C-alpha atoms as a PDB file:
ATOM      1  CA  MET A   1       9.411  14.261   8.951  1.00  0.00           C
ATOM      2  CA  LYS A   2       8.503  11.789   6.214  1.00  0.00           C
ATOM      3  CA  ALA A   3       6.104   8.891   6.153  1.00  0.00           C
ATOM      4  CA  ARG A   4       5.470   6.089   3.699  1.00  0.00           C
ATOM      5  CA  VAL A   5       2.054   4.455   3.665  1.00  0.00           C
ATOM      6  CA  THR A   6       1.709   1.140   1.837  1.00  0.00           C
ATOM      7  CA  VAL A   7      -1.814  -0.021   1.011  1.00  0.00           C
ATOM      8  CA  THR A   8      -2.464  -3.593  -0.129  1.00  0.00           C
ATOM      9  CA  LEU A   9      -5.520  -5.723  -0.711  1.00  0.00           C
ATOM     10  CA  LYS A  10      -6.454  -8.037   2.130  1.00  0.00           C
ATOM     11  CA  SER A  11      -5.773 -11.719   1.676  1.00  0.00           C
ATOM     12  CA  GLY A  12      -8.667 -13.403  -0.091  1.00  0.00           C
ATOM     13  CA  VAL A  13      -9.779 -10.265  -1.969  1.00  0.00           C
ATOM     14  CA  LEU A  14      -9.667 -10.802  -5.732  1.00  0.00           C
ATOM     15  CA  ASP A  15      -7.002  -8.735  -7.488  1.00  0.00           C
ATOM     16  CA  PRO A  16      -7.792  -8.580 -11.218  1.00  0.00           C
ATOM     17  CA  GLN A  17      -5.051  -6.022 -11.875  1.00  0.00           C
ATOM     18  CA  GLY A  18      -2.503  -8.274 -10.173  1.00  0.00           C
ATOM     19  CA  GLN A  19      -3.726 -11.205 -12.255  1.00  0.00           C
ATOM     20  CA  ALA A  20      -3.369  -9.157 -15.449  1.00  0.00           C
ATOM     21  CA  ILE A  21       0.187  -8.184 -14.478  1.00  0.00           C
ATOM     22  CA  GLU A  22       0.982 -11.825 -13.699  1.00  0.00           C
ATOM     23  CA  GLY A  23      -0.275 -12.913 -17.123  1.00  0.00           C
ATOM     24  CA  SER A  24       1.710 -10.168 -18.856  1.00  0.00           C
ATOM     25  CA  LEU A  25       4.912 -11.088 -17.026  1.00  0.00           C
ATOM     26  CA  LYS A  26       4.514 -14.714 -18.070  1.00  0.00           C
ATOM     27  CA  SER A  27       3.922 -13.711 -21.694  1.00  0.00           C
ATOM     28  CA  LEU A  28       7.067 -11.540 -21.545  1.00  0.00           C
ATOM     29  CA  GLY A  29       9.163 -14.573 -20.658  1.00  0.00           C
ATOM     30  CA  PHE A  30       9.075 -14.660 -16.854  1.00  0.00           C
ATOM     31  CA  PRO A  31       7.634 -18.155 -16.308  1.00  0.00           C
ATOM     32  CA  GLY A  32       8.585 -18.397 -12.621  1.00  0.00           C
ATOM     33  CA  VAL A  33       6.015 -15.798 -11.529  1.00  0.00           C
ATOM     34  CA  ASN A  34       3.337 -17.578  -9.499  1.00  0.00           C
ATOM     35  CA  SER A  35       1.346 -14.651  -8.144  1.00  0.00           C
ATOM     36  CA  VAL A  36       1.234 -10.848  -8.279  1.00  0.00           C
ATOM     37  CA  ARG A  37      -0.676  -8.588  -5.878  1.00  0.00           C
ATOM     38  CA  GLN A  38      -0.717  -4.882  -6.621  1.00  0.00           C
ATOM     39  CA  GLY A  39      -1.015  -2.016  -4.157  1.00  0.00           C
ATOM     40  CA  LYS A  40      -0.435   1.693  -3.605  1.00  0.00           C
ATOM     41  CA  VAL A  41       2.360   3.676  -1.940  1.00  0.00           C
ATOM     42  CA  PHE A  42       1.974   7.207  -0.568  1.00  0.00           C
ATOM     43  CA  ASP A  43       4.977   9.309   0.467  1.00  0.00           C
ATOM     44  CA  ILE A  44       3.896  12.090   2.831  1.00  0.00           C
ATOM     45  CA  VAL A  45       6.071  14.937   4.132  1.00  0.00           C
ATOM     46  CA  PHE A  46       5.073  16.473   7.488  1.00  0.00           C
ATOM     47  CA  GLU A  47       6.020  19.602   9.369  1.00  0.00           C
ATOM     48  CA  GLY A  48       7.086  18.906  12.940  1.00  0.00           C
ATOM     49  CA  THR A  49       8.953  16.109  14.638  1.00  0.00           C
ATOM     50  CA  ASP A  50       6.418  14.490  16.970  1.00  0.00           C
ATOM     51  CA  GLU A  51       6.263  10.917  15.690  1.00  0.00           C
ATOM     52  CA  SER A  52       3.255  10.006  17.822  1.00  0.00           C
ATOM     53  CA  ASP A  53       1.211  12.930  16.458  1.00  0.00           C
ATOM     54  CA  ALA A  54       2.285  12.171  12.889  1.00  0.00           C
ATOM     55  CA  ARG A  55       1.329   8.494  13.238  1.00  0.00           C
ATOM     56  CA  SER A  56      -2.054   9.481  14.638  1.00  0.00           C
ATOM     57  CA  GLN A  57      -2.719  11.883  11.766  1.00  0.00           C
ATOM     58  CA  ILE A  58      -1.617   9.371   9.141  1.00  0.00           C
ATOM     59  CA  THR A  59      -3.804   6.667  10.664  1.00  0.00           C
ATOM     60  CA  SER A  60      -6.747   9.048  10.410  1.00  0.00           C
ATOM     61  CA  MET A  61      -5.832   9.803   6.769  1.00  0.00           C
ATOM     62  CA  CYS A  62      -5.759   6.090   5.981  1.00  0.00           C
ATOM     63  CA  GLU A  63      -9.073   5.415   7.679  1.00  0.00           C
ATOM     64  CA  LYS A  64     -10.793   8.361   5.954  1.00  0.00           C
ATOM     65  CA  LEU A  65      -9.234   8.479   2.492  1.00  0.00           C
ATOM     66  CA  LEU A  66      -6.100   6.552   1.596  1.00  0.00           C
ATOM     67  CA  ALA A  67      -7.344   2.995   2.231  1.00  0.00           C
ATOM     68  CA  ASN A  68     -10.658   1.224   1.879  1.00  0.00           C
ATOM     69  CA  THR A  69     -10.356  -0.640   5.172  1.00  0.00           C
ATOM     70  CA  VAL A  70     -13.082  -3.108   4.206  1.00  0.00           C
ATOM     71  CA  ILE A  71     -10.856  -4.676   1.546  1.00  0.00           C
ATOM     72  CA  GLU A  72      -7.404  -3.115   2.119  1.00  0.00           C
ATOM     73  CA  ASN A  73      -4.691  -3.197   4.780  1.00  0.00           C
ATOM     74  CA  TYR A  74      -2.212  -0.402   5.308  1.00  0.00           C
ATOM     75  CA  SER A  75       1.163  -0.015   6.989  1.00  0.00           C
ATOM     76  CA  ILE A  76       2.877   3.175   8.102  1.00  0.00           C
ATOM     77  CA  GLU A  77       6.631   3.755   8.144  1.00  0.00           C
ATOM     78  CA  ILE A  78       7.865   7.041   9.610  1.00  0.00           C
ATOM     79  CA  THR A  79      11.363   8.372   8.930  1.00  0.00           C
ATOM     80  CA  ASN A  80      13.029  11.627   9.869  1.00  0.00           C
END
């Protein structure tokens, strides 16, 4: 079983890296870029096929390590 966890900054949290990327894109000739928000993606491979158990474990991983839940949101996508 595979899972993809996407972690992004919550709305309203300043994103200096996103702003730097936005500025660089504009200087490279992409004037239509209005905003860039950066994030993280984790691809996790699990043993077993119990989706409920996998989701529970991944949620715990996010809460303990993968995401700073004060300033970040996360989403979990599980595939077989």
